[in-house]
Amino acid sequence: MEHKFIFHEITRLITEEAGAEMTHAGYSIADDAVFHTLQCKVEDCDYGAGTRISESLKKLVNTVN
């Protein structure tokens, strides 16, 4: 069940905080691992967006773990 919370938080973070449009989102489970697949696009050219998203995702993962 935790993977659903994390998945929701990741999609929220990307759409709300990064301003990206989610074009596809899904996940799969294999044994004890959950793999999230996300495709999104950012309309405006923002060269710092990747770094901000990466740092926010790291904080999220470290908070949950």
Protein backbone atom coordinates (compact mmCIF):
# COMPACT_ATOMS: atom_id res chain seq x y z
CA MET A 1 0.00 0.00 0.00
CA GLU A 2 2.94 2.33 0.63
CA HIS A 3 3.82 2.23 -3.06
CA LYS A 4 0.46 3.81 -3.93
CA PHE A 5 1.13 6.70 -1.53
CA ILE A 6 4.60 7.22 -2.99
CA PHE A 7 3.23 7.03 -6.55
CA HIS A 8 0.59 9.66 -5.72
CA GLU A 9 3.15 11.94 -4.06
CA ILE A 10 5.53 11.64 -7.01
CA THR A 11 2.82 12.58 -9.51
CA ARG A 12 1.70 15.47 -7.27
CA LEU A 13 5.26 16.73 -6.92
CA ILE A 14 5.89 16.66 -10.66
CA THR A 15 2.62 18.31 -11.67
CA GLU A 16 2.22 20.85 -8.86
CA GLU A 17 5.75 21.77 -7.89
CA ALA A 18 7.46 21.37 -11.25
CA GLY A 19 4.52 22.51 -13.38
CA ALA A 20 4.88 19.56 -15.73
CA GLU A 21 2.05 17.91 -17.62
CA MET A 22 1.78 14.18 -16.96
CA THR A 23 1.29 12.36 -20.27
CA HIS A 24 1.55 8.80 -18.94
CA ALA A 25 1.83 7.25 -15.49
CA GLY A 26 1.88 3.64 -14.39
CA TYR A 27 3.55 1.15 -12.14
CA SER A 28 4.34 -2.53 -12.06
CA ILE A 29 5.22 -4.90 -9.25
CA ALA A 30 7.84 -7.64 -9.55
CA ASP A 31 8.56 -9.70 -6.46
CA ASP A 32 9.21 -7.16 -3.68
CA ALA A 33 10.01 -4.26 -6.02
CA VAL A 34 7.69 -1.59 -7.40
CA PHE A 35 8.65 0.22 -10.61
CA HIS A 36 7.04 3.58 -11.38
CA THR A 37 6.95 4.76 -14.98
CA LEU A 38 6.21 8.42 -15.59
CA GLN A 39 6.27 10.48 -18.75
CA CYS A 40 5.75 14.19 -18.59
CA LYS A 41 6.54 17.35 -20.45
CA VAL A 42 7.35 20.87 -19.39
CA GLU A 43 5.92 23.56 -21.66
CA ASP A 44 8.37 26.35 -20.90
CA CYS A 45 12.07 25.79 -21.31
CA ASP A 46 13.37 25.61 -17.75
CA TYR A 47 16.92 24.34 -17.55
CA GLY A 48 16.78 24.09 -13.74
CA ALA A 49 13.60 22.00 -13.65
CA GLY A 50 15.42 18.67 -13.83
CA THR A 51 17.61 19.51 -10.86
CA ARG A 52 14.67 20.80 -8.78
CA ILE A 53 12.57 17.73 -9.57
CA SER A 54 15.46 15.40 -8.77
CA GLU A 55 16.14 17.09 -5.42
CA SER A 56 12.45 17.08 -4.48
CA LEU A 57 12.15 13.38 -5.35
CA LYS A 58 15.22 12.56 -3.25
CA LYS A 59 13.72 14.42 -0.28
CA LEU A 60 10.43 12.56 -0.72
CA VAL A 61 12.09 9.15 -0.86
CA ASN A 62 14.30 9.91 2.14
CA THR A 63 11.26 11.09 4.14
CA VAL A 64 9.28 7.93 3.39
CA ASN A 65 12.19 5.59 4.12
